Amino acid sequence: VSFEIPMASGGVGKYQVKLDGDMMLFKGTANDRPHGQCRWEKPE
């Protein structure tokens, strides 16, 4: 999925992310397709 973030200096950052279980993959960053962890809240 894609989203945009307004940048403080003007312009917009365009990013894409994909959930893969407890991991998230990122595109649009300086690092080439990094991934990170997700921490989920327990359902009520």
ModelCIF file with pLDDT and N, C-alpha, C, O atoms, coordinates in Angstrom:
data_MODEL
#
_entry.id   MODEL 
#
_entity.id                         1 
_entity.type                       polymer 
_entity.pdbx_number_of_molecules   1 
#
_entity_poly.entity_id                      1 
_entity_poly.type                           'polypeptide(L)' 
_entity_poly.nstd_linkage                   no 
_entity_poly.nstd_monomer                   no 
_entity_poly.pdbx_seq_one_letter_code       VSFEIPMASGGVGKYQVKLDGDMMLFKGTANDRPHGQCRWEKPE 
_entity_poly.pdbx_seq_one_letter_code_can   VSFEIPMASGGVGKYQVKLDGDMMLFKGTANDRPHGQCRWEKPE 
_entity_poly.pdbx_strand_id                 A 
#
loop_
_entity_poly_seq.entity_id 
_entity_poly_seq.num 
_entity_poly_seq.mon_id 
_entity_poly_seq.hetero 
1 1  VAL n 
1 2  SER n 
1 3  PHE n 
1 4  GLU n 
1 5  ILE n 
1 6  PRO n 
1 7  MET n 
1 8  ALA n 
1 9  SER n 
1 10 GLY n 
1 11 GLY n 
1 12 VAL n 
1 13 GLY n 
1 14 LYS n 
1 15 TYR n 
1 16 GLN n 
1 17 VAL n 
1 18 LYS n 
1 19 LEU n 
1 20 ASP n 
1 21 GLY n 
1 22 ASP n 
1 23 MET n 
1 24 MET n 
1 25 LEU n 
1 26 PHE n 
1 27 LYS n 
1 28 GLY n 
1 29 THR n 
1 30 ALA n 
1 31 ASN n 
1 32 ASP n 
1 33 ARG n 
1 34 PRO n 
1 35 HIS n 
1 36 GLY n 
1 37 GLN n 
1 38 CYS n 
1 39 ARG n 
1 40 TRP n 
1 41 GLU n 
1 42 LYS n 
1 43 PRO n 
1 44 GLU n 
#
_struct_asym.id          A 
_struct_asym.entity_id   1 
#
loop_
_ma_qa_metric.id 
_ma_qa_metric.mode 
_ma_qa_metric.name 
_ma_qa_metric.software_group_id 
_ma_qa_metric.type 
1 global pLDDT . pLDDT 
2 local  pLDDT . pLDDT 
#
_ma_qa_metric_global.metric_id      1 
_ma_qa_metric_global.metric_value   92.91 
_ma_qa_metric_global.model_id       1 
_ma_qa_metric_global.ordinal_id     1 
#
loop_
_ma_qa_metric_local.label_asym_id 
_ma_qa_metric_local.label_comp_id 
_ma_qa_metric_local.label_seq_id 
_ma_qa_metric_local.metric_id 
_ma_qa_metric_local.metric_value 
_ma_qa_metric_local.model_id 
_ma_qa_metric_local.ordinal_id 
A VAL 1  2 97.00 1 1  
A SER 2  2 97.00 1 2  
A PHE 3  2 97.00 1 3  
A GLU 4  2 97.00 1 4  
A ILE 5  2 97.00 1 5  
A PRO 6  2 97.00 1 6  
A MET 7  2 97.00 1 7  
A ALA 8  2 96.00 1 8  
A SER 9  2 92.00 1 9  
A GLY 10 2 94.00 1 10 
A GLY 11 2 94.00 1 11 
A VAL 12 2 96.00 1 12 
A GLY 13 2 95.00 1 13 
A LYS 14 2 97.00 1 14 
A TYR 15 2 96.00 1 15 
A GLN 16 2 97.00 1 16 
A VAL 17 2 97.00 1 17 
A LYS 18 2 97.00 1 18 
A LEU 19 2 96.00 1 19 
A ASP 20 2 95.00 1 20 
A GLY 21 2 93.00 1 21 
A ASP 22 2 95.00 1 22 
A MET 23 2 96.00 1 23 
A MET 24 2 97.00 1 24 
A LEU 25 2 96.00 1 25 
A PHE 26 2 96.00 1 26 
A LYS 27 2 95.00 1 27 
A GLY 28 2 94.00 1 28 
A THR 29 2 92.00 1 29 
A ALA 30 2 88.00 1 30 
A ASN 31 2 85.00 1 31 
A ASP 32 2 84.00 1 32 
A ARG 33 2 80.00 1 33 
A PRO 34 2 88.00 1 34 
A HIS 35 2 91.00 1 35 
A GLY 36 2 95.00 1 36 
A GLN 37 2 96.00 1 37 
A CYS 38 2 97.00 1 38 
A ARG 39 2 97.00 1 39 
A TRP 40 2 97.00 1 40 
A GLU 41 2 95.00 1 41 
A LYS 42 2 84.00 1 42 
A PRO 43 2 71.00 1 43 
A GLU 44 2 65.00 1 44 
#
loop_
_atom_site.group_PDB 
_atom_site.id 
_atom_site.type_symbol 
_atom_site.label_atom_id 
_atom_site.label_alt_id 
_atom_site.label_comp_id 
_atom_site.label_asym_id 
_atom_site.label_entity_id 
_atom_site.label_seq_id 
_atom_site.pdbx_PDB_ins_code 
_atom_site.Cartn_x 
_atom_site.Cartn_y 
_atom_site.Cartn_z 
_atom_site.occupancy 
_atom_site.B_iso_or_equiv 
_atom_site.pdbx_formal_charge 
_atom_site.auth_seq_id 
_atom_site.auth_comp_id 
_atom_site.auth_asym_id 
_atom_site.auth_atom_id 
_atom_site.pdbx_PDB_model_num 
ATOM 1   N N  . VAL A 1 1  ? 0.854   -1.191  0.000  1.00 97.00 ? 1  VAL A N  1 
ATOM 2   C CA . VAL A 1 1  ? 0.000   0.000   0.000  1.00 97.00 ? 1  VAL A CA 1 
ATOM 3   C C  . VAL A 1 1  ? 0.891   1.243   0.000  1.00 97.00 ? 1  VAL A C  1 
ATOM 4   O O  . VAL A 1 1  ? 2.020   1.216   0.490  1.00 97.00 ? 1  VAL A O  1 
ATOM 5   N N  . SER A 1 2  ? 0.359   2.329   -0.559 1.00 97.00 ? 2  SER A N  1 
ATOM 6   C CA . SER A 1 2  ? 1.123   3.577   -0.679 1.00 97.00 ? 2  SER A CA 1 
ATOM 7   C C  . SER A 1 2  ? 0.536   4.651   0.215  1.00 97.00 ? 2  SER A C  1 
ATOM 8   O O  . SER A 1 2  ? -0.670  4.691   0.460  1.00 97.00 ? 2  SER A O  1 
ATOM 9   N N  . PHE A 1 3  ? 1.412   5.523   0.696  1.00 97.00 ? 3  PHE A N  1 
ATOM 10  C CA . PHE A 1 3  ? 0.936   6.704   1.411  1.00 97.00 ? 3  PHE A CA 1 
ATOM 11  C C  . PHE A 1 3  ? 1.966   7.812   1.243  1.00 97.00 ? 3  PHE A C  1 
ATOM 12  O O  . PHE A 1 3  ? 3.097   7.568   0.823  1.00 97.00 ? 3  PHE A O  1 
ATOM 13  N N  . GLU A 1 4  ? 1.561   9.031   1.577  1.00 97.00 ? 4  GLU A N  1 
ATOM 14  C CA . GLU A 1 4  ? 2.449   10.183  1.461  1.00 97.00 ? 4  GLU A CA 1 
ATOM 15  C C  . GLU A 1 4  ? 2.537   10.899  2.796  1.00 97.00 ? 4  GLU A C  1 
ATOM 16  O O  . GLU A 1 4  ? 1.574   10.945  3.562  1.00 97.00 ? 4  GLU A O  1 
ATOM 17  N N  . ILE A 1 5  ? 3.706   11.453  3.058  1.00 97.00 ? 5  ILE A N  1 
ATOM 18  C CA . ILE A 1 5  ? 3.923   12.236  4.277  1.00 97.00 ? 5  ILE A CA 1 
ATOM 19  C C  . ILE A 1 5  ? 4.416   13.624  3.850  1.00 97.00 ? 5  ILE A C  1 
ATOM 20  O O  . ILE A 1 5  ? 5.398   13.723  3.115  1.00 97.00 ? 5  ILE A O  1 
ATOM 21  N N  . PRO A 1 6  ? 3.751   14.697  4.299  1.00 97.00 ? 6  PRO A N  1 
ATOM 22  C CA . PRO A 1 6  ? 4.273   16.033  4.003  1.00 97.00 ? 6  PRO A CA 1 
ATOM 23  C C  . PRO A 1 6  ? 5.601   16.252  4.726  1.00 97.00 ? 6  PRO A C  1 
ATOM 24  O O  . PRO A 1 6  ? 5.719   15.959  5.916  1.00 97.00 ? 6  PRO A O  1 
ATOM 25  N N  . MET A 1 7  ? 6.597   16.767  4.009  1.00 97.00 ? 7  MET A N  1 
ATOM 26  C CA . MET A 1 7  ? 7.915   16.983  4.595  1.00 97.00 ? 7  MET A CA 1 
ATOM 27  C C  . MET A 1 7  ? 8.016   18.398  5.172  1.00 97.00 ? 7  MET A C  1 
ATOM 28  O O  . MET A 1 7  ? 7.435   19.348  4.646  1.00 97.00 ? 7  MET A O  1 
ATOM 29  N N  . ALA A 1 8  ? 8.768   18.507  6.261  1.00 96.00 ? 8  ALA A N  1 
ATOM 30  C CA . ALA A 1 8  ? 8.923   19.802  6.935  1.00 96.00 ? 8  ALA A CA 1 
ATOM 31  C C  . ALA A 1 8  ? 9.514   20.840  5.982  1.00 96.00 ? 8  ALA A C  1 
ATOM 32  O O  . ALA A 1 8  ? 9.188   22.024  6.066  1.00 96.00 ? 8  ALA A O  1 
ATOM 33  N N  . SER A 1 9  ? 10.387  20.388  5.076  1.00 92.00 ? 9  SER A N  1 
ATOM 34  C CA . SER A 1 9  ? 11.085  21.308  4.172  1.00 92.00 ? 9  SER A CA 1 
ATOM 35  C C  . SER A 1 9  ? 10.252  21.627  2.931  1.00 92.00 ? 9  SER A C  1 
ATOM 36  O O  . SER A 1 9  ? 10.709  22.343  2.040  1.00 92.00 ? 9  SER A O  1 
ATOM 37  N N  . GLY A 1 10 ? 9.037   21.098  2.875  1.00 94.00 ? 10 GLY A N  1 
ATOM 38  C CA . GLY A 1 10 ? 8.202   21.249  1.679  1.00 94.00 ? 10 GLY A CA 1 
ATOM 39  C C  . GLY A 1 10 ? 8.253   19.972  0.865  1.00 94.00 ? 10 GLY A C  1 
ATOM 40  O O  . GLY A 1 10 ? 9.172   19.167  1.021  1.00 94.00 ? 10 GLY A O  1 
ATOM 41  N N  . GLY A 1 11 ? 7.286   19.785  0.011  1.00 94.00 ? 11 GLY A N  1 
ATOM 42  C CA . GLY A 1 11 ? 7.244   18.555  -0.772 1.00 94.00 ? 11 GLY A CA 1 
ATOM 43  C C  . GLY A 1 11 ? 6.648   17.411  0.030  1.00 94.00 ? 11 GLY A C  1 
ATOM 44  O O  . GLY A 1 11 ? 6.232   17.577  1.176  1.00 94.00 ? 11 GLY A O  1 
ATOM 45  N N  . VAL A 1 12 ? 6.618   16.257  -0.597 1.00 96.00 ? 12 VAL A N  1 
ATOM 46  C CA . VAL A 1 12 ? 6.017   15.082  0.036  1.00 96.00 ? 12 VAL A CA 1 
ATOM 47  C C  . VAL A 1 12 ? 6.947   13.896  -0.104 1.00 96.00 ? 12 VAL A C  1 
ATOM 48  O O  . VAL A 1 12 ? 7.642   13.744  -1.109 1.00 96.00 ? 12 VAL A O  1 
ATOM 49  N N  . GLY A 1 13 ? 6.947   13.061  0.919  1.00 95.00 ? 13 GLY A N  1 
ATOM 50  C CA . GLY A 1 13 ? 7.642   11.781  0.833  1.00 95.00 ? 13 GLY A CA 1 
ATOM 51  C C  . GLY A 1 13 ? 6.611   10.734  0.454  1.00 95.00 ? 13 GLY A C  1 
ATOM 52  O O  . GLY A 1 13 ? 5.552   10.639  1.074  1.00 95.00 ? 13 GLY A O  1 
ATOM 53  N N  . LYS A 1 14 ? 6.930   9.939   -0.578 1.00 97.00 ? 14 LYS A N  1 
ATOM 54  C CA . LYS A 1 14 ? 6.021   8.868   -1.003 1.00 97.00 ? 14 LYS A CA 1 
ATOM 55  C C  . LYS A 1 14 ? 6.631   7.535   -0.597 1.00 97.00 ? 14 LYS A C  1 
ATOM 56  O O  . LYS A 1 14 ? 7.779   7.240   -0.930 1.00 97.00 ? 14 LYS A O  1 
ATOM 57  N N  . TYR A 1 15 ? 5.862   6.740   0.117  1.00 96.00 ? 15 TYR A N  1 
ATOM 58  C CA . TYR A 1 15 ? 6.363   5.469   0.633  1.00 96.00 ? 15 TYR A CA 1 
ATOM 59  C C  . TYR A 1 15 ? 5.379   4.359   0.332  1.00 96.00 ? 15 TYR A C  1 
ATOM 60  O O  . TYR A 1 15 ? 4.184   4.588   0.144  1.00 96.00 ? 15 TYR A O  1 
ATOM 61  N N  . GLN A 1 16 ? 5.912   3.152   0.292  1.00 97.00 ? 16 GLN A N  1 
ATOM 62  C CA . GLN A 1 16 ? 5.057   1.973   0.177  1.00 97.00 ? 16 GLN A CA 1 
ATOM 63  C C  . GLN A 1 16 ? 5.470   1.007   1.267  1.00 97.00 ? 16 GLN A C  1 
ATOM 64  O O  . GLN A 1 16 ? 6.650   0.880   1.594  1.00 97.00 ? 16 GLN A O  1 
ATOM 65  N N  . VAL A 1 17 ? 4.484   0.330   1.821  1.00 97.00 ? 17 VAL A N  1 
ATOM 66  C CA . VAL A 1 17 ? 4.767   -0.657  2.860  1.00 97.00 ? 17 VAL A CA 1 
ATOM 67  C C  . VAL A 1 17 ? 3.952   -1.913  2.598  1.00 97.00 ? 17 VAL A C  1 
ATOM 68  O O  . VAL A 1 17 ? 2.885   -1.878  1.985  1.00 97.00 ? 17 VAL A O  1 
ATOM 69  N N  . LYS A 1 18 ? 4.488   -3.015  3.081  1.00 97.00 ? 18 LYS A N  1 
ATOM 70  C CA . LYS A 1 18 ? 3.769   -4.289  2.980  1.00 97.00 ? 18 LYS A CA 1 
ATOM 71  C C  . LYS A 1 18 ? 3.915   -5.029  4.296  1.00 97.00 ? 18 LYS A C  1 
ATOM 72  O O  . LYS A 1 18 ? 5.018   -5.190  4.818  1.00 97.00 ? 18 LYS A O  1 
ATOM 73  N N  . LEU A 1 19 ? 2.787   -5.475  4.820  1.00 96.00 ? 19 LEU A N  1 
ATOM 74  C CA . LEU A 1 19 ? 2.798   -6.280  6.041  1.00 96.00 ? 19 LEU A CA 1 
ATOM 75  C C  . LEU A 1 19 ? 3.070   -7.721  5.670  1.00 96.00 ? 19 LEU A C  1 
ATOM 76  O O  . LEU A 1 19 ? 2.501   -8.258  4.720  1.00 96.00 ? 19 LEU A O  1 
ATOM 77  N N  . ASP A 1 20 ? 3.956   -8.339  6.443  1.00 95.00 ? 20 ASP A N  1 
ATOM 78  C CA . ASP A 1 20 ? 4.246   -9.751  6.256  1.00 95.00 ? 20 ASP A CA 1 
ATOM 79  C C  . ASP A 1 20 ? 4.289   -10.359 7.647  1.00 95.00 ? 20 ASP A C  1 
ATOM 80  O O  . ASP A 1 20 ? 5.358   -10.516 8.236  1.00 95.00 ? 20 ASP A O  1 
ATOM 81  N N  . GLY A 1 21 ? 3.116   -10.700 8.165  1.00 93.00 ? 21 GLY A N  1 
ATOM 82  C CA . GLY A 1 21 ? 3.052   -11.216 9.538  1.00 93.00 ? 21 GLY A CA 1 
ATOM 83  C C  . GLY A 1 21 ? 3.441   -10.133 10.525 1.00 93.00 ? 21 GLY A C  1 
ATOM 84  O O  . GLY A 1 21 ? 2.779   -9.101  10.630 1.00 93.00 ? 21 GLY A O  1 
ATOM 85  N N  . ASP A 1 22 ? 4.546   -10.384 11.262 1.00 95.00 ? 22 ASP A N  1 
ATOM 86  C CA . ASP A 1 22 ? 5.012   -9.397  12.244 1.00 95.00 ? 22 ASP A CA 1 
ATOM 87  C C  . ASP A 1 22 ? 6.135   -8.530  11.695 1.00 95.00 ? 22 ASP A C  1 
ATOM 88  O O  . ASP A 1 22 ? 6.810   -7.826  12.445 1.00 95.00 ? 22 ASP A O  1 
ATOM 89  N N  . MET A 1 23 ? 6.330   -8.586  10.374 1.00 96.00 ? 23 MET A N  1 
ATOM 90  C CA . MET A 1 23 ? 7.336   -7.754  9.726  1.00 96.00 ? 23 MET A CA 1 
ATOM 91  C C  . MET A 1 23 ? 6.640   -6.767  8.820  1.00 96.00 ? 23 MET A C  1 
ATOM 92  O O  . MET A 1 23 ? 5.530   -7.017  8.350  1.00 96.00 ? 23 MET A O  1 
ATOM 93  N N  . MET A 1 24 ? 7.297   -5.636  8.573  1.00 97.00 ? 24 MET A N  1 
ATOM 94  C CA . MET A 1 24 ? 6.817   -4.705  7.567  1.00 97.00 ? 24 MET A CA 1 
ATOM 95  C C  . MET A 1 24 ? 7.980   -4.415  6.621  1.00 97.00 ? 24 MET A C  1 
ATOM 96  O O  . MET A 1 24 ? 9.100   -4.152  7.059  1.00 97.00 ? 24 MET A O  1 
ATOM 97  N N  . LEU A 1 25 ? 7.698   -4.466  5.324  1.00 96.00 ? 25 LEU A N  1 
ATOM 98  C CA . LEU A 1 25 ? 8.686   -4.112  4.310  1.00 96.00 ? 25 LEU A CA 1 
ATOM 99  C C  . LEU A 1 25 ? 8.397   -2.697  3.843  1.00 96.00 ? 25 LEU A C  1 
ATOM 100 O O  . LEU A 1 25 ? 7.241   -2.281  3.767  1.00 96.00 ? 25 LEU A O  1 
ATOM 101 N N  . PHE A 1 26 ? 9.459   -1.958  3.529  1.00 96.00 ? 26 PHE A N  1 
ATOM 102 C CA . PHE A 1 26 ? 9.324   -0.538  3.183  1.00 96.00 ? 26 PHE A CA 1 
ATOM 103 C C  . PHE A 1 26 ? 9.936   -0.253  1.815  1.00 96.00 ? 26 PHE A C  1 
ATOM 104 O O  . PHE A 1 26 ? 10.963  -0.831  1.459  1.00 96.00 ? 26 PHE A O  1 
ATOM 105 N N  . LYS A 1 27 ? 9.306   0.635   1.051  1.00 95.00 ? 27 LYS A N  1 
ATOM 106 C CA . LYS A 1 27 ? 9.888   1.144   -0.192 1.00 95.00 ? 27 LYS A CA 1 
ATOM 107 C C  . LYS A 1 27 ? 9.793   2.656   -0.192 1.00 95.00 ? 27 LYS A C  1 
ATOM 108 O O  . LYS A 1 27 ? 8.893   3.229   0.423  1.00 95.00 ? 27 LYS A O  1 
ATOM 109 N N  . GLY A 1 28 ? 10.722  3.304   -0.882 1.00 94.00 ? 28 GLY A N  1 
ATOM 110 C CA . GLY A 1 28 ? 10.717  4.764   -0.969 1.00 94.00 ? 28 GLY A CA 1 
ATOM 111 C C  . GLY A 1 28 ? 11.725  5.394   -0.020 1.00 94.00 ? 28 GLY A C  1 
ATOM 112 O O  . GLY A 1 28 ? 11.886  6.614   0.011  1.00 94.00 ? 28 GLY A O  1 
ATOM 113 N N  . THR A 1 29 ? 12.397  4.557   0.750  1.00 92.00 ? 29 THR A N  1 
ATOM 114 C CA . THR A 1 29 ? 13.375  5.022   1.733  1.00 92.00 ? 29 THR A CA 1 
ATOM 115 C C  . THR A 1 29 ? 14.766  5.081   1.097  1.00 92.00 ? 29 THR A C  1 
ATOM 116 O O  . THR A 1 29 ? 14.983  4.538   0.013  1.00 92.00 ? 29 THR A O  1 
ATOM 117 N N  . ALA A 1 30 ? 15.694  5.737   1.771  1.00 88.00 ? 30 ALA A N  1 
ATOM 118 C CA . ALA A 1 30 ? 17.078  5.805   1.290  1.00 88.00 ? 30 ALA A CA 1 
ATOM 119 C C  . ALA A 1 30 ? 17.710  4.406   1.310  1.00 88.00 ? 30 ALA A C  1 
ATOM 120 O O  . ALA A 1 30 ? 18.393  4.009   0.366  1.00 88.00 ? 30 ALA A O  1 
ATOM 121 N N  . ASN A 1 31 ? 17.473  3.674   2.390  1.00 85.00 ? 31 ASN A N  1 
ATOM 122 C CA . ASN A 1 31 ? 17.930  2.285   2.443  1.00 85.00 ? 31 ASN A CA 1 
ATOM 123 C C  . ASN A 1 31 ? 17.129  1.478   1.442  1.00 85.00 ? 31 ASN A C  1 
ATOM 124 O O  . ASN A 1 31 ? 15.942  1.734   1.242  1.00 85.00 ? 31 ASN A O  1 
ATOM 125 N N  . ASP A 1 32 ? 17.765  0.512   0.815  1.00 84.00 ? 32 ASP A N  1 
ATOM 126 C CA . ASP A 1 32 ? 17.093  -0.250  -0.219 1.00 84.00 ? 32 ASP A CA 1 
ATOM 127 C C  . ASP A 1 32 ? 16.183  -1.313  0.386  1.00 84.00 ? 32 ASP A C  1 
ATOM 128 O O  . ASP A 1 32 ? 16.651  -2.319  0.918  1.00 84.00 ? 32 ASP A O  1 
ATOM 129 N N  . ARG A 1 33 ? 14.895  -1.077  0.296  1.00 80.00 ? 33 ARG A N  1 
ATOM 130 C CA . ARG A 1 33 ? 13.884  -2.023  0.764  1.00 80.00 ? 33 ARG A CA 1 
ATOM 131 C C  . ARG A 1 33 ? 14.171  -2.629  2.131  1.00 80.00 ? 33 ARG A C  1 
ATOM 132 O O  . ARG A 1 33 ? 14.298  -3.845  2.273  1.00 80.00 ? 33 ARG A O  1 
ATOM 133 N N  . PRO A 1 34 ? 14.272  -1.759  3.137  1.00 88.00 ? 34 PRO A N  1 
ATOM 134 C CA . PRO A 1 34 ? 14.511  -2.303  4.482  1.00 88.00 ? 34 PRO A CA 1 
ATOM 135 C C  . PRO A 1 34 ? 13.240  -2.943  5.036  1.00 88.00 ? 34 PRO A C  1 
ATOM 136 O O  . PRO A 1 34 ? 12.161  -2.810  4.459  1.00 88.00 ? 34 PRO A O  1 
ATOM 137 N N  . HIS A 1 35 ? 13.382  -3.623  6.138  1.00 91.00 ? 35 HIS A N  1 
ATOM 138 C CA . HIS A 1 35 ? 12.194  -4.146  6.808  1.00 91.00 ? 35 HIS A CA 1 
ATOM 139 C C  . HIS A 1 35 ? 12.331  -3.912  8.304  1.00 91.00 ? 35 HIS A C  1 
ATOM 140 O O  . HIS A 1 35 ? 13.431  -3.716  8.822  1.00 91.00 ? 35 HIS A O  1 
ATOM 141 N N  . GLY A 1 36 ? 11.209  -3.936  8.978  1.00 95.00 ? 36 GLY A N  1 
ATOM 142 C CA . GLY A 1 36 ? 11.216  -3.687  10.420 1.00 95.00 ? 36 GLY A CA 1 
ATOM 143 C C  . GLY A 1 36 ? 10.170  -4.535  11.107 1.00 95.00 ? 36 GLY A C  1 
ATOM 144 O O  . GLY A 1 36 ? 9.368   -5.214  10.467 1.00 95.00 ? 36 GLY A O  1 
ATOM 145 N N  . GLN A 1 37 ? 10.200  -4.480  12.414 1.00 96.00 ? 37 GLN A N  1 
ATOM 146 C CA . GLN A 1 37 ? 9.297   -5.280  13.241 1.00 96.00 ? 37 GLN A CA 1 
ATOM 147 C C  . GLN A 1 37 ? 8.007   -4.536  13.528 1.00 96.00 ? 37 GLN A C  1 
ATOM 148 O O  . GLN A 1 37 ? 7.987   -3.306  13.576 1.00 96.00 ? 37 GLN A O  1 
ATOM 149 N N  . CYS A 1 38 ? 6.942   -5.278  13.717 1.00 97.00 ? 38 CYS A N  1 
ATOM 150 C CA . CYS A 1 38 ? 5.681   -4.715  14.188 1.00 97.00 ? 38 CYS A CA 1 
ATOM 151 C C  . CYS A 1 38 ? 5.431   -5.194  15.614 1.00 97.00 ? 38 CYS A C  1 
ATOM 152 O O  . CYS A 1 38 ? 5.670   -6.354  15.950 1.00 97.00 ? 38 CYS A O  1 
ATOM 153 N N  . ARG A 1 39 ? 4.952   -4.287  16.430 1.00 97.00 ? 39 ARG A N  1 
ATOM 154 C CA . ARG A 1 39 ? 4.510   -4.652  17.783 1.00 97.00 ? 39 ARG A CA 1 
ATOM 155 C C  . ARG A 1 39 ? 3.004   -4.454  17.827 1.00 97.00 ? 39 ARG A C  1 
ATOM 156 O O  . ARG A 1 39 ? 2.510   -3.338  17.664 1.00 97.00 ? 39 ARG A O  1 
ATOM 157 N N  . TRP A 1 40 ? 2.288   -5.533  18.048 1.00 97.00 ? 40 TRP A N  1 
ATOM 158 C CA . TRP A 1 40 ? 0.822   -5.472  18.026 1.00 97.00 ? 40 TRP A CA 1 
ATOM 159 C C  . TRP A 1 40 ? 0.249   -5.314  19.417 1.00 97.00 ? 40 TRP A C  1 
ATOM 160 O O  . TRP A 1 40 ? 0.770   -5.860  20.390 1.00 97.00 ? 40 TRP A O  1 
ATOM 161 N N  . GLU A 1 41 ? -0.833  -4.559  19.493 1.00 95.00 ? 41 GLU A N  1 
ATOM 162 C CA . GLU A 1 41 ? -1.571  -4.482  20.755 1.00 95.00 ? 41 GLU A CA 1 
ATOM 163 C C  . GLU A 1 41 ? -2.432  -5.715  20.862 1.00 95.00 ? 41 GLU A C  1 
ATOM 164 O O  . GLU A 1 41 ? -2.913  -6.238  19.856 1.00 95.00 ? 41 GLU A O  1 
ATOM 165 N N  . LYS A 1 42 ? -2.627  -6.178  22.074 1.00 84.00 ? 42 LYS A N  1 
ATOM 166 C CA . LYS A 1 42 ? -3.525  -7.316  22.278 1.00 84.00 ? 42 LYS A CA 1 
ATOM 167 C C  . LYS A 1 42 ? -4.971  -6.837  22.081 1.00 84.00 ? 42 LYS A C  1 
ATOM 168 O O  . LYS A 1 42 ? -5.338  -5.764  22.559 1.00 84.00 ? 42 LYS A O  1 
ATOM 169 N N  . PRO A 1 43 ? -5.783  -7.627  21.384 1.00 71.00 ? 43 PRO A N  1 
ATOM 170 C CA . PRO A 1 43 ? -7.192  -7.220  21.250 1.00 71.00 ? 43 PRO A CA 1 
ATOM 171 C C  . PRO A 1 43 ? -7.835  -7.078  22.629 1.00 71.00 ? 43 PRO A C  1 
ATOM 172 O O  . PRO A 1 43 ? -7.481  -7.798  23.563 1.00 71.00 ? 43 PRO A O  1 
ATOM 173 N N  . GLU A 1 44 ? -8.772  -6.155  22.747 1.00 65.00 ? 44 GLU A N  1 
ATOM 174 C CA . GLU A 1 44 ? -9.479  -5.935  24.012 1.00 65.00 ? 44 GLU A CA 1 
ATOM 175 C C  . GLU A 1 44 ? -10.087 -7.240  24.530 1.00 65.00 ? 44 GLU A C  1 
ATOM 176 O O  . GLU A 1 44 ? -10.721 -7.250  25.586 1.00 65.00 ? 44 GLU A O  1 
#
